[in-house]
Amino acid sequence: MLKLGEKGVIPQKAEDSYAIAPHIPCGVVTPDLLRKIADVSEKYNAQALKITGATRIAIVGLKEKDIDSAWEDLGLDKGAAVGLCVRSIRSCPGNTFCKIGQQDSLGIGMALDKKYHGFKLPGKFKMAVSGCRLSCAESWVRDIGLIGKKDGWMLTIGGNVGASPRIGNELIDNLDDQAALDAIDKVIIHYQENAKKGERLGKMIDRVGLDGFKAAVS
């Protein structure tokens, strides 16, 4: 039986059953990509296609003998679905498509995805970008969240879901696009250099104190 994450697969409940999750930056797909995923799924008799919480499309129920061939046919990067790294960045449509979006969440989300997807860190790390205060990408419960406002971005840190959910803390407000990206760089570098292995950002903030963390990344 393959180990979790080996060859980009996730073992399923049934024996010799695996899921693969191609990387789909910010969940944006084309008709051609959907057709390719459908064709590969049919070719290898997948049991299901599942849109994940990280806006990937998981191909579920593949046999171990078919995994390498399925990846080759897809020709896509593997999604960072497991491990101590930056997972897929979530993003709402933002002002590109949504009439109430106030900032370009897709543009910033794509920039973050290009730079950080799969980036190795001391713990699991999730990011989300929401184009307005409705926070449709659930930015408040991600390690790093951006929330669009009329005057720029609000950056939140330390949120997570799971067994011990935590609402993020506001770090800084009214950031333009470049300032938001620069501030995120500082947070990630500080976390990379100072977190304990397996420690989520919120746990680190609780350990060192919010004021101390803010001072270190200001």
N, C-alpha and C. Protein backbone atom coordinates (compact mmCIF):
# COMPACT_ATOMS: atom_id res chain seq x y z
N MET A 1 0.85 -1.20 0.00
CA MET A 1 0.00 0.00 0.00
C MET A 1 0.88 1.25 0.00
N LEU A 2 0.59 2.17 -0.88
CA LEU A 2 1.37 3.40 -0.96
C LEU A 2 1.19 4.24 0.29
N LYS A 3 2.24 4.97 0.66
CA LYS A 3 2.16 5.86 1.80
C LYS A 3 1.43 7.14 1.43
N LEU A 4 0.91 7.82 2.46
CA LEU A 4 0.19 9.06 2.25
C LEU A 4 1.08 10.07 1.52
N GLY A 5 0.59 10.59 0.40
CA GLY A 5 1.33 11.60 -0.34
C GLY A 5 2.31 11.05 -1.36
N GLU A 6 2.65 9.75 -1.29
CA GLU A 6 3.59 9.17 -2.25
C GLU A 6 2.99 9.21 -3.65
N LYS A 7 3.77 9.70 -4.62
CA LYS A 7 3.32 9.86 -6.01
C LYS A 7 2.09 10.75 -6.10
N GLY A 8 1.91 11.62 -5.10
CA GLY A 8 0.78 12.54 -5.13
C GLY A 8 -0.56 11.87 -4.91
N VAL A 9 -0.59 10.76 -4.19
CA VAL A 9 -1.83 10.02 -3.99
C VAL A 9 -2.28 10.08 -2.54
N ILE A 10 -3.57 9.86 -2.35
CA ILE A 10 -4.17 9.79 -1.02
C ILE A 10 -4.87 8.44 -0.92
N PRO A 11 -4.39 7.53 -0.05
CA PRO A 11 -5.05 6.23 0.10
C PRO A 11 -6.51 6.40 0.54
N GLN A 12 -7.37 5.56 0.00
CA GLN A 12 -8.79 5.60 0.33
C GLN A 12 -9.17 4.46 1.27
N LYS A 13 -10.43 4.39 1.61
CA LYS A 13 -10.91 3.41 2.59
C LYS A 13 -10.72 1.97 2.10
N ALA A 14 -11.08 1.73 0.85
CA ALA A 14 -10.96 0.39 0.30
C ALA A 14 -9.50 0.06 -0.02
N GLU A 15 -9.16 -1.22 0.07
CA GLU A 15 -7.79 -1.66 -0.25
C GLU A 15 -7.51 -1.44 -1.73
N ASP A 16 -6.27 -1.00 -2.02
CA ASP A 16 -5.84 -0.71 -3.40
C ASP A 16 -6.78 0.29 -4.07
N SER A 17 -7.12 1.33 -3.33
CA SER A 17 -7.94 2.41 -3.88
C SER A 17 -7.31 3.74 -3.48
N TYR A 18 -7.06 4.59 -4.47
CA TYR A 18 -6.34 5.83 -4.22
C TYR A 18 -7.01 6.99 -4.94
N ALA A 19 -6.78 8.18 -4.39
CA ALA A 19 -7.23 9.41 -5.04
C ALA A 19 -6.01 10.23 -5.42
N ILE A 20 -6.10 10.92 -6.55
CA ILE A 20 -5.09 11.88 -6.93
C ILE A 20 -5.78 13.22 -7.14
N ALA A 21 -5.06 14.29 -6.81
CA ALA A 21 -5.66 15.63 -6.87
C ALA A 21 -4.73 16.56 -7.65
N PRO A 22 -4.95 16.72 -8.93
CA PRO A 22 -4.11 17.63 -9.72
C PRO A 22 -4.20 19.06 -9.18
N HIS A 23 -3.10 19.78 -9.34
CA HIS A 23 -3.08 21.17 -8.88
C HIS A 23 -3.88 22.05 -9.82
N ILE A 24 -4.85 22.78 -9.27
CA ILE A 24 -5.67 23.71 -10.06
C ILE A 24 -5.59 25.06 -9.37
N PRO A 25 -4.68 25.95 -9.78
CA PRO A 25 -4.48 27.22 -9.09
C PRO A 25 -5.78 28.00 -8.91
N CYS A 26 -6.10 28.27 -7.63
CA CYS A 26 -7.28 29.06 -7.24
C CYS A 26 -8.58 28.48 -7.76
N GLY A 27 -8.58 27.22 -8.17
CA GLY A 27 -9.80 26.57 -8.61
C GLY A 27 -10.32 27.01 -9.96
N VAL A 28 -9.50 27.69 -10.75
CA VAL A 28 -9.94 28.19 -12.05
C VAL A 28 -9.65 27.13 -13.12
N VAL A 29 -10.69 26.68 -13.81
CA VAL A 29 -10.54 25.63 -14.81
C VAL A 29 -11.03 26.12 -16.17
N THR A 30 -10.65 25.38 -17.19
CA THR A 30 -11.13 25.63 -18.56
C THR A 30 -11.94 24.41 -19.01
N PRO A 31 -12.76 24.56 -20.03
CA PRO A 31 -13.47 23.39 -20.57
C PRO A 31 -12.51 22.27 -20.99
N ASP A 32 -11.37 22.63 -21.57
CA ASP A 32 -10.41 21.61 -22.00
C ASP A 32 -9.86 20.84 -20.80
N LEU A 33 -9.59 21.55 -19.70
CA LEU A 33 -9.08 20.87 -18.51
C LEU A 33 -10.13 19.92 -17.93
N LEU A 34 -11.37 20.36 -17.90
CA LEU A 34 -12.44 19.49 -17.40
C LEU A 34 -12.58 18.24 -18.27
N ARG A 35 -12.47 18.41 -19.58
CA ARG A 35 -12.56 17.26 -20.49
C ARG A 35 -11.40 16.29 -20.24
N LYS A 36 -10.20 16.83 -20.04
CA LYS A 36 -9.04 15.97 -19.81
C LYS A 36 -9.21 15.16 -18.53
N ILE A 37 -9.64 15.82 -17.46
CA ILE A 37 -9.86 15.12 -16.19
C ILE A 37 -10.94 14.05 -16.35
N ALA A 38 -12.00 14.39 -17.08
CA ALA A 38 -13.08 13.42 -17.30
C ALA A 38 -12.58 12.23 -18.11
N ASP A 39 -11.80 12.49 -19.15
CA ASP A 39 -11.29 11.41 -20.01
C ASP A 39 -10.39 10.47 -19.22
N VAL A 40 -9.48 11.04 -18.42
CA VAL A 40 -8.58 10.20 -17.62
C VAL A 40 -9.37 9.40 -16.59
N SER A 41 -10.35 10.01 -16.00
CA SER A 41 -11.17 9.33 -14.99
C SER A 41 -11.90 8.13 -15.60
N GLU A 42 -12.44 8.33 -16.79
CA GLU A 42 -13.13 7.22 -17.46
C GLU A 42 -12.16 6.14 -17.90
N LYS A 43 -11.00 6.55 -18.41
CA LYS A 43 -10.02 5.58 -18.91
C LYS A 43 -9.58 4.61 -17.82
N TYR A 44 -9.41 5.15 -16.59
CA TYR A 44 -8.91 4.30 -15.50
C TYR A 44 -9.99 3.92 -14.50
N ASN A 45 -11.25 4.04 -14.92
CA ASN A 45 -12.39 3.56 -14.13
C ASN A 45 -12.44 4.15 -12.72
N ALA A 46 -12.25 5.45 -12.63
CA ALA A 46 -12.35 6.11 -11.33
C ALA A 46 -13.77 5.94 -10.78
N GLN A 47 -13.85 5.86 -9.46
CA GLN A 47 -15.16 5.67 -8.83
C GLN A 47 -15.93 6.98 -8.70
N ALA A 48 -15.21 8.10 -8.60
CA ALA A 48 -15.88 9.38 -8.41
C ALA A 48 -14.92 10.52 -8.73
N LEU A 49 -15.50 11.67 -9.01
CA LEU A 49 -14.76 12.94 -9.06
C LEU A 49 -15.30 13.79 -7.92
N LYS A 50 -14.41 14.34 -7.11
CA LYS A 50 -14.83 15.09 -5.93
C LYS A 50 -14.18 16.47 -5.93
N ILE A 51 -15.00 17.53 -5.95
CA ILE A 51 -14.47 18.87 -5.79
C ILE A 51 -14.14 19.06 -4.31
N THR A 52 -12.89 19.32 -4.01
CA THR A 52 -12.43 19.36 -2.63
C THR A 52 -12.60 20.75 -2.02
N GLY A 53 -12.43 20.81 -0.71
CA GLY A 53 -12.49 22.10 -0.02
C GLY A 53 -11.39 23.04 -0.45
N ALA A 54 -10.33 22.51 -1.04
CA ALA A 54 -9.22 23.33 -1.51
C ALA A 54 -9.36 23.65 -3.01
N THR A 55 -10.57 23.48 -3.54
CA THR A 55 -10.91 23.78 -4.94
C THR A 55 -10.07 22.98 -5.94
N ARG A 56 -9.68 21.78 -5.55
CA ARG A 56 -9.11 20.84 -6.51
C ARG A 56 -10.22 19.89 -6.96
N ILE A 57 -9.95 19.12 -8.01
CA ILE A 57 -10.86 18.05 -8.43
C ILE A 57 -10.12 16.74 -8.21
N ALA A 58 -10.51 16.02 -7.17
CA ALA A 58 -9.87 14.76 -6.84
C ALA A 58 -10.47 13.64 -7.68
N ILE A 59 -9.60 12.83 -8.26
CA ILE A 59 -10.02 11.64 -9.00
C ILE A 59 -9.90 10.47 -8.02
N VAL A 60 -11.04 9.93 -7.64
CA VAL A 60 -11.11 8.99 -6.53
C VAL A 60 -11.34 7.57 -7.04
N GLY A 61 -10.64 6.62 -6.39
CA GLY A 61 -10.88 5.21 -6.68
C GLY A 61 -10.01 4.64 -7.77
N LEU A 62 -8.78 5.11 -7.89
CA LEU A 62 -7.83 4.56 -8.86
C LEU A 62 -7.07 3.38 -8.25
N LYS A 63 -6.65 2.47 -9.08
CA LYS A 63 -5.81 1.36 -8.66
C LYS A 63 -4.34 1.80 -8.67
N GLU A 64 -3.54 1.18 -7.79
CA GLU A 64 -2.13 1.56 -7.70
C GLU A 64 -1.42 1.40 -9.04
N LYS A 65 -1.76 0.34 -9.80
CA LYS A 65 -1.07 0.09 -11.07
C LYS A 65 -1.35 1.17 -12.12
N ASP A 66 -2.40 1.96 -11.90
CA ASP A 66 -2.80 2.96 -12.89
C ASP A 66 -2.33 4.38 -12.54
N ILE A 67 -1.76 4.58 -11.36
CA ILE A 67 -1.49 5.93 -10.89
C ILE A 67 -0.47 6.65 -11.78
N ASP A 68 0.65 6.01 -12.07
CA ASP A 68 1.67 6.67 -12.89
C ASP A 68 1.13 7.02 -14.27
N SER A 69 0.37 6.12 -14.87
CA SER A 69 -0.18 6.37 -16.19
C SER A 69 -1.21 7.49 -16.16
N ALA A 70 -2.00 7.53 -15.10
CA ALA A 70 -3.00 8.59 -14.98
C ALA A 70 -2.34 9.96 -14.89
N TRP A 71 -1.28 10.06 -14.08
CA TRP A 71 -0.55 11.33 -13.98
C TRP A 71 0.05 11.71 -15.33
N GLU A 72 0.61 10.72 -16.03
CA GLU A 72 1.23 11.00 -17.33
C GLU A 72 0.18 11.51 -18.32
N ASP A 73 -0.98 10.90 -18.32
CA ASP A 73 -2.04 11.32 -19.24
C ASP A 73 -2.56 12.71 -18.88
N LEU A 74 -2.65 13.01 -17.60
CA LEU A 74 -3.13 14.32 -17.19
C LEU A 74 -2.15 15.43 -17.58
N GLY A 75 -0.86 15.17 -17.38
CA GLY A 75 0.15 16.18 -17.68
C GLY A 75 0.04 17.40 -16.78
N LEU A 76 -0.42 17.21 -15.55
CA LEU A 76 -0.63 18.31 -14.61
C LEU A 76 0.25 18.14 -13.39
N ASP A 77 0.54 19.26 -12.72
CA ASP A 77 1.28 19.20 -11.46
C ASP A 77 0.43 18.55 -10.38
N LYS A 78 1.09 17.95 -9.42
CA LYS A 78 0.39 17.33 -8.30
C LYS A 78 0.00 18.39 -7.28
N GLY A 79 -1.20 18.32 -6.77
CA GLY A 79 -1.64 19.25 -5.74
C GLY A 79 -0.99 18.92 -4.41
N ALA A 80 -0.60 19.95 -3.67
CA ALA A 80 0.00 19.75 -2.34
C ALA A 80 -1.12 19.49 -1.34
N ALA A 81 -1.62 18.26 -1.33
CA ALA A 81 -2.78 17.92 -0.52
C ALA A 81 -2.41 17.43 0.87
N VAL A 82 -1.16 17.01 1.07
CA VAL A 82 -0.72 16.49 2.37
C VAL A 82 0.68 17.03 2.65
N GLY A 83 1.14 16.85 3.89
CA GLY A 83 2.50 17.21 4.25
C GLY A 83 2.62 18.59 4.86
N LEU A 84 3.83 18.88 5.37
CA LEU A 84 4.11 20.15 6.02
C LEU A 84 4.56 21.17 4.97
N CYS A 85 3.59 21.83 4.40
CA CYS A 85 3.87 22.75 3.30
C CYS A 85 2.66 23.65 3.09
N VAL A 86 2.81 24.59 2.16
CA VAL A 86 1.70 25.46 1.78
C VAL A 86 0.78 24.68 0.86
N ARG A 87 -0.45 24.55 1.26
CA ARG A 87 -1.46 23.87 0.45
C ARG A 87 -1.99 24.83 -0.63
N SER A 88 -2.97 24.38 -1.39
CA SER A 88 -3.54 25.22 -2.44
C SER A 88 -4.15 26.49 -1.85
N ILE A 89 -3.97 27.59 -2.53
CA ILE A 89 -4.51 28.88 -2.08
C ILE A 89 -5.97 28.98 -2.53
N ARG A 90 -6.85 29.31 -1.59
CA ARG A 90 -8.25 29.50 -1.93
C ARG A 90 -8.49 30.96 -2.31
N SER A 91 -9.38 31.16 -3.26
CA SER A 91 -9.71 32.52 -3.68
C SER A 91 -11.15 32.58 -4.16
N CYS A 92 -11.83 33.65 -3.81
CA CYS A 92 -13.16 33.92 -4.37
C CYS A 92 -12.98 34.60 -5.73
N PRO A 93 -14.05 34.86 -6.48
CA PRO A 93 -13.91 35.52 -7.79
C PRO A 93 -13.42 36.95 -7.71
N GLY A 94 -13.59 37.62 -6.55
CA GLY A 94 -13.12 38.99 -6.41
C GLY A 94 -13.77 39.94 -7.41
N ASN A 95 -13.12 41.08 -7.62
CA ASN A 95 -13.72 42.07 -8.51
C ASN A 95 -13.54 41.72 -10.00
N THR A 96 -12.90 40.59 -10.28
CA THR A 96 -12.82 40.13 -11.67
C THR A 96 -14.19 39.73 -12.20
N PHE A 97 -14.99 39.08 -11.34
CA PHE A 97 -16.29 38.58 -11.76
C PHE A 97 -17.45 39.00 -10.85
N CYS A 98 -17.18 39.23 -9.58
CA CYS A 98 -18.25 39.48 -8.61
C CYS A 98 -18.58 40.97 -8.51
N LYS A 99 -19.85 41.31 -8.56
CA LYS A 99 -20.26 42.72 -8.56
C LYS A 99 -19.99 43.40 -7.23
N ILE A 100 -19.84 42.63 -6.13
CA ILE A 100 -19.56 43.27 -4.84
C ILE A 100 -18.09 43.12 -4.43
N GLY A 101 -17.29 42.46 -5.26
CA GLY A 101 -15.86 42.34 -4.95
C GLY A 101 -15.18 43.70 -4.97
N GLN A 102 -14.32 43.93 -3.99
CA GLN A 102 -13.65 45.23 -3.89
C GLN A 102 -12.17 45.17 -4.23
N GLN A 103 -11.61 43.99 -4.27
CA GLN A 103 -10.20 43.84 -4.63
C GLN A 103 -10.03 42.62 -5.53
N ASP A 104 -8.86 42.55 -6.19
CA ASP A 104 -8.57 41.49 -7.15
C ASP A 104 -8.06 40.24 -6.43
N SER A 105 -8.97 39.48 -5.87
CA SER A 105 -8.56 38.30 -5.11
C SER A 105 -7.97 37.21 -6.01
N LEU A 106 -8.48 37.07 -7.23
CA LEU A 106 -7.91 36.06 -8.12
C LEU A 106 -6.48 36.40 -8.52
N GLY A 107 -6.22 37.67 -8.81
CA GLY A 107 -4.86 38.07 -9.17
C GLY A 107 -3.87 37.83 -8.05
N ILE A 108 -4.24 38.25 -6.84
CA ILE A 108 -3.35 38.03 -5.69
C ILE A 108 -3.25 36.54 -5.36
N GLY A 109 -4.37 35.84 -5.44
CA GLY A 109 -4.34 34.40 -5.16
C GLY A 109 -3.43 33.66 -6.11
N MET A 110 -3.48 34.00 -7.39
CA MET A 110 -2.61 33.35 -8.38
C MET A 110 -1.15 33.67 -8.11
N ALA A 111 -0.86 34.91 -7.71
CA ALA A 111 0.52 35.28 -7.40
C ALA A 111 1.03 34.49 -6.20
N LEU A 112 0.20 34.34 -5.17
CA LEU A 112 0.59 33.57 -4.00
C LEU A 112 0.77 32.10 -4.34
N ASP A 113 -0.13 31.57 -5.17
CA ASP A 113 -0.04 30.18 -5.57
C ASP A 113 1.25 29.91 -6.33
N LYS A 114 1.58 30.79 -7.26
CA LYS A 114 2.79 30.61 -8.07
C LYS A 114 4.04 30.60 -7.19
N LYS A 115 4.06 31.43 -6.17
CA LYS A 115 5.25 31.54 -5.34
C LYS A 115 5.33 30.48 -4.24
N TYR A 116 4.17 30.11 -3.68
CA TYR A 116 4.21 29.34 -2.44
C TYR A 116 3.62 27.94 -2.50
N HIS A 117 2.87 27.58 -3.53
CA HIS A 117 2.24 26.26 -3.51
C HIS A 117 3.29 25.16 -3.35
N GLY A 118 3.12 24.34 -2.33
CA GLY A 118 4.06 23.26 -2.05
C GLY A 118 5.29 23.67 -1.27
N PHE A 119 5.41 24.96 -0.94
CA PHE A 119 6.57 25.48 -0.22
C PHE A 119 6.69 24.81 1.15
N LYS A 120 7.85 24.23 1.46
CA LYS A 120 8.03 23.48 2.69
C LYS A 120 8.13 24.42 3.89
N LEU A 121 7.39 24.09 4.95
CA LEU A 121 7.36 24.89 6.16
C LEU A 121 7.30 23.96 7.37
N PRO A 122 7.49 24.49 8.58
CA PRO A 122 7.46 23.63 9.77
C PRO A 122 6.12 22.92 9.98
N GLY A 123 5.01 23.51 9.51
CA GLY A 123 3.71 22.90 9.71
C GLY A 123 2.84 23.08 8.48
N LYS A 124 1.69 22.44 8.51
CA LYS A 124 0.70 22.64 7.46
C LYS A 124 0.32 24.11 7.40
N PHE A 125 0.14 24.63 6.19
CA PHE A 125 -0.06 26.08 6.05
C PHE A 125 -1.07 26.35 4.94
N LYS A 126 -2.11 27.10 5.28
CA LYS A 126 -3.17 27.40 4.31
C LYS A 126 -3.36 28.90 4.18
N MET A 127 -3.70 29.32 2.95
CA MET A 127 -3.94 30.74 2.67
C MET A 127 -5.25 30.89 1.91
N ALA A 128 -5.89 32.03 2.11
CA ALA A 128 -7.12 32.33 1.39
C ALA A 128 -7.21 33.82 1.12
N VAL A 129 -7.80 34.14 -0.03
CA VAL A 129 -7.93 35.54 -0.45
C VAL A 129 -9.40 35.80 -0.78
N SER A 130 -10.00 36.75 -0.05
CA SER A 130 -11.40 37.11 -0.25
C SER A 130 -11.48 38.55 -0.73
N GLY A 131 -12.30 38.78 -1.75
CA GLY A 131 -12.37 40.11 -2.36
C GLY A 131 -13.18 41.13 -1.61
N CYS A 132 -13.92 40.70 -0.58
CA CYS A 132 -14.68 41.65 0.23
C CYS A 132 -14.86 41.08 1.63
N ARG A 133 -15.54 41.82 2.49
CA ARG A 133 -15.66 41.43 3.89
C ARG A 133 -16.58 40.22 4.12
N LEU A 134 -17.31 39.80 3.09
CA LEU A 134 -18.10 38.58 3.23
C LEU A 134 -17.20 37.36 3.39
N SER A 135 -15.96 37.47 2.97
CA SER A 135 -14.94 36.43 3.17
C SER A 135 -15.39 35.06 2.67
N CYS A 136 -15.84 35.03 1.43
CA CYS A 136 -16.33 33.77 0.86
C CYS A 136 -15.24 32.69 0.78
N ALA A 137 -13.98 33.08 0.72
CA ALA A 137 -12.89 32.10 0.71
C ALA A 137 -12.50 31.66 2.12
N GLU A 138 -13.24 32.15 3.13
CA GLU A 138 -13.01 31.79 4.54
C GLU A 138 -11.62 32.19 5.02
N SER A 139 -11.27 33.41 4.70
CA SER A 139 -9.93 33.91 5.04
C SER A 139 -9.67 33.97 6.54
N TRP A 140 -10.73 34.18 7.34
CA TRP A 140 -10.54 34.30 8.79
C TRP A 140 -10.06 32.99 9.44
N VAL A 141 -10.25 31.87 8.77
CA VAL A 141 -9.85 30.59 9.37
C VAL A 141 -8.75 29.94 8.54
N ARG A 142 -7.83 30.75 8.05
CA ARG A 142 -6.64 30.26 7.37
C ARG A 142 -5.40 30.84 8.05
N ASP A 143 -4.27 30.15 7.91
CA ASP A 143 -3.03 30.63 8.52
C ASP A 143 -2.74 32.05 8.08
N ILE A 144 -2.95 32.32 6.82
CA ILE A 144 -2.87 33.68 6.30
C ILE A 144 -4.14 33.95 5.50
N GLY A 145 -4.78 35.08 5.79
CA GLY A 145 -5.97 35.47 5.05
C GLY A 145 -5.87 36.91 4.60
N LEU A 146 -6.35 37.16 3.40
CA LEU A 146 -6.50 38.53 2.91
C LEU A 146 -7.98 38.79 2.68
N ILE A 147 -8.44 39.96 3.13
CA ILE A 147 -9.83 40.35 2.97
C ILE A 147 -9.87 41.72 2.32
N GLY A 148 -10.53 41.81 1.16
CA GLY A 148 -10.57 43.05 0.41
C GLY A 148 -11.53 44.06 1.01
N LYS A 149 -11.09 45.31 1.06
CA LYS A 149 -11.92 46.44 1.49
C LYS A 149 -11.74 47.56 0.47
N LYS A 150 -12.54 48.59 0.60
CA LYS A 150 -12.49 49.68 -0.38
C LYS A 150 -11.10 50.29 -0.48
N ASP A 151 -10.41 50.41 0.66
CA ASP A 151 -9.10 51.08 0.69
C ASP A 151 -7.92 50.11 0.62
N GLY A 152 -8.18 48.85 0.36
CA GLY A 152 -7.08 47.90 0.25
C GLY A 152 -7.36 46.60 0.96
N TRP A 153 -6.28 45.90 1.31
CA TRP A 153 -6.38 44.58 1.91
C TRP A 153 -6.20 44.64 3.42
N MET A 154 -6.96 43.79 4.13
CA MET A 154 -6.68 43.51 5.53
C MET A 154 -6.03 42.13 5.60
N LEU A 155 -4.92 42.03 6.32
CA LEU A 155 -4.18 40.78 6.46
C LEU A 155 -4.47 40.17 7.82
N THR A 156 -4.93 38.92 7.83
CA THR A 156 -5.16 38.19 9.07
C THR A 156 -4.19 37.02 9.15
N ILE A 157 -3.87 36.62 10.37
CA ILE A 157 -2.89 35.54 10.57
C ILE A 157 -3.37 34.59 11.66
N GLY A 158 -3.02 33.33 11.52
CA GLY A 158 -3.20 32.37 12.60
C GLY A 158 -4.53 31.66 12.67
N GLY A 159 -5.37 31.81 11.66
CA GLY A 159 -6.64 31.10 11.69
C GLY A 159 -6.51 29.66 11.25
N ASN A 160 -7.41 28.83 11.70
CA ASN A 160 -7.48 27.45 11.20
C ASN A 160 -8.82 26.82 11.62
N VAL A 161 -9.18 25.75 10.91
CA VAL A 161 -10.33 24.95 11.28
C VAL A 161 -9.82 23.67 11.93
N GLY A 162 -10.62 22.63 11.96
CA GLY A 162 -10.16 21.38 12.54
C GLY A 162 -10.68 21.16 13.95
N ALA A 163 -10.00 20.29 14.69
CA ALA A 163 -10.46 19.90 16.03
C ALA A 163 -10.41 21.07 17.01
N SER A 164 -9.47 21.99 16.81
CA SER A 164 -9.36 23.17 17.68
C SER A 164 -9.39 24.42 16.81
N PRO A 165 -10.57 24.83 16.34
CA PRO A 165 -10.65 25.97 15.42
C PRO A 165 -10.19 27.26 16.06
N ARG A 166 -9.66 28.14 15.23
CA ARG A 166 -9.14 29.41 15.72
C ARG A 166 -9.42 30.50 14.69
N ILE A 167 -10.04 31.59 15.11
CA ILE A 167 -10.24 32.74 14.24
C ILE A 167 -8.92 33.51 14.16
N GLY A 168 -8.57 33.96 12.97
CA GLY A 168 -7.31 34.68 12.79
C GLY A 168 -7.30 36.03 13.48
N ASN A 169 -6.10 36.52 13.68
CA ASN A 169 -5.89 37.86 14.26
C ASN A 169 -5.60 38.85 13.14
N GLU A 170 -6.15 40.05 13.25
CA GLU A 170 -5.82 41.08 12.28
C GLU A 170 -4.39 41.55 12.51
N LEU A 171 -3.59 41.54 11.45
CA LEU A 171 -2.20 41.98 11.56
C LEU A 171 -2.02 43.41 11.09
N ILE A 172 -2.56 43.73 9.93
CA ILE A 172 -2.37 45.06 9.36
C ILE A 172 -3.49 45.31 8.34
N ASP A 173 -3.81 46.59 8.12
CA ASP A 173 -4.95 46.95 7.29
C ASP A 173 -4.54 47.94 6.20
N ASN A 174 -5.44 48.10 5.23
CA ASN A 174 -5.29 49.10 4.16
C ASN A 174 -3.99 48.93 3.36
N LEU A 175 -3.73 47.70 2.94
CA LEU A 175 -2.54 47.39 2.16
C LEU A 175 -2.87 47.38 0.67
N ASP A 176 -2.00 47.95 -0.16
CA ASP A 176 -2.17 47.75 -1.59
C ASP A 176 -1.62 46.36 -1.96
N ASP A 177 -1.74 45.99 -3.23
CA ASP A 177 -1.38 44.62 -3.62
C ASP A 177 0.06 44.27 -3.25
N GLN A 178 1.01 45.13 -3.61
CA GLN A 178 2.41 44.82 -3.35
C GLN A 178 2.72 44.80 -1.86
N ALA A 179 2.13 45.74 -1.12
CA ALA A 179 2.35 45.77 0.33
C ALA A 179 1.80 44.51 0.99
N ALA A 180 0.67 44.00 0.48
CA ALA A 180 0.10 42.77 1.02
C ALA A 180 1.03 41.59 0.76
N LEU A 181 1.56 41.49 -0.45
CA LEU A 181 2.49 40.40 -0.77
C LEU A 181 3.77 40.50 0.07
N ASP A 182 4.28 41.71 0.26
CA ASP A 182 5.49 41.90 1.06
C ASP A 182 5.24 41.50 2.52
N ALA A 183 4.08 41.87 3.05
CA ALA A 183 3.76 41.53 4.44
C ALA A 183 3.63 40.02 4.61
N ILE A 184 3.05 39.35 3.64
CA ILE A 184 2.93 37.89 3.71
C ILE A 184 4.31 37.24 3.68
N ASP A 185 5.21 37.77 2.85
CA ASP A 185 6.59 37.26 2.83
C ASP A 185 7.21 37.30 4.22
N LYS A 186 7.04 38.42 4.91
CA LYS A 186 7.64 38.57 6.24
C LYS A 186 7.05 37.56 7.23
N VAL A 187 5.74 37.36 7.16
CA VAL A 187 5.10 36.41 8.07
C VAL A 187 5.61 35.00 7.82
N ILE A 188 5.68 34.61 6.56
CA ILE A 188 6.11 33.25 6.23
C ILE A 188 7.57 33.03 6.61
N ILE A 189 8.43 34.00 6.34
CA ILE A 189 9.84 33.85 6.71
C ILE A 189 10.01 33.72 8.22
N HIS A 190 9.29 34.56 8.97
CA HIS A 190 9.40 34.48 10.43
C HIS A 190 8.88 33.15 10.95
N TYR A 191 7.78 32.69 10.39
CA TYR A 191 7.23 31.40 10.78
C TYR A 191 8.20 30.27 10.43
N GLN A 192 8.77 30.32 9.24
CA GLN A 192 9.69 29.28 8.80
C GLN A 192 10.90 29.18 9.73
N GLU A 193 11.36 30.32 10.20
CA GLU A 193 12.59 30.35 11.00
C GLU A 193 12.36 30.10 12.49
N ASN A 194 11.11 30.22 12.96
CA ASN A 194 10.89 30.20 14.40
C ASN A 194 9.85 29.21 14.91
N ALA A 195 9.06 28.62 14.03
CA ALA A 195 8.05 27.67 14.47
C ALA A 195 8.66 26.32 14.80
N LYS A 196 8.02 25.60 15.71
CA LYS A 196 8.42 24.24 16.00
C LYS A 196 7.84 23.31 14.94
N LYS A 197 8.45 22.15 14.76
CA LYS A 197 7.98 21.21 13.76
C LYS A 197 6.54 20.80 14.06
N GLY A 198 5.70 20.93 13.06
CA GLY A 198 4.29 20.56 13.20
C GLY A 198 3.42 21.63 13.82
N GLU A 199 4.01 22.75 14.21
CA GLU A 199 3.26 23.81 14.89
C GLU A 199 2.59 24.73 13.87
N ARG A 200 1.27 24.82 13.91
CA ARG A 200 0.57 25.74 13.03
C ARG A 200 0.85 27.18 13.45
N LEU A 201 0.64 28.10 12.53
CA LEU A 201 0.94 29.51 12.81
C LEU A 201 0.16 30.02 14.01
N GLY A 202 -1.11 29.67 14.12
CA GLY A 202 -1.91 30.11 15.26
C GLY A 202 -1.35 29.63 16.59
N LYS A 203 -0.88 28.40 16.64
CA LYS A 203 -0.27 27.87 17.86
C LYS A 203 1.02 28.62 18.19
N MET A 204 1.79 28.96 17.16
CA MET A 204 3.00 29.74 17.40
C MET A 204 2.66 31.11 17.97
N ILE A 205 1.63 31.75 17.42
CA ILE A 205 1.22 33.06 17.93
C ILE A 205 0.77 32.96 19.37
N ASP A 206 0.02 31.91 19.71
CA ASP A 206 -0.40 31.71 21.10
C ASP A 206 0.81 31.51 22.01
N ARG A 207 1.84 30.85 21.48
CA ARG A 207 3.03 30.56 22.30
C ARG A 207 3.87 31.81 22.55
N VAL A 208 4.08 32.62 21.51
CA VAL A 208 4.98 33.77 21.65
C VAL A 208 4.25 35.06 21.98
N GLY A 209 2.92 35.06 21.79
CA GLY A 209 2.15 36.26 22.04
C GLY A 209 1.93 37.07 20.77
N LEU A 210 0.72 37.59 20.60
CA LEU A 210 0.40 38.34 19.38
C LEU A 210 1.25 39.59 19.25
N ASP A 211 1.45 40.32 20.35
CA ASP A 211 2.24 41.54 20.28
C ASP A 211 3.67 41.26 19.87
N GLY A 212 4.24 40.18 20.42
CA GLY A 212 5.60 39.82 20.06
C GLY A 212 5.71 39.42 18.61
N PHE A 213 4.72 38.68 18.13
CA PHE A 213 4.74 38.27 16.72
C PHE A 213 4.62 39.48 15.81
N LYS A 214 3.70 40.39 16.15
CA LYS A 214 3.53 41.60 15.33
C LYS A 214 4.83 42.40 15.27
N ALA A 215 5.50 42.53 16.40
CA ALA A 215 6.74 43.29 16.44
C ALA A 215 7.82 42.65 15.57
N ALA A 216 7.83 41.32 15.52
CA ALA A 216 8.86 40.61 14.76
C ALA A 216 8.67 40.74 13.26
N VAL A 217 7.44 40.96 12.80
CA VAL A 217 7.19 41.01 11.36
C VAL A 217 6.86 42.43 10.88
N SER A 218 6.93 43.40 11.75
CA SER A 218 6.60 44.78 11.37
C SER A 218 7.74 45.41 10.58
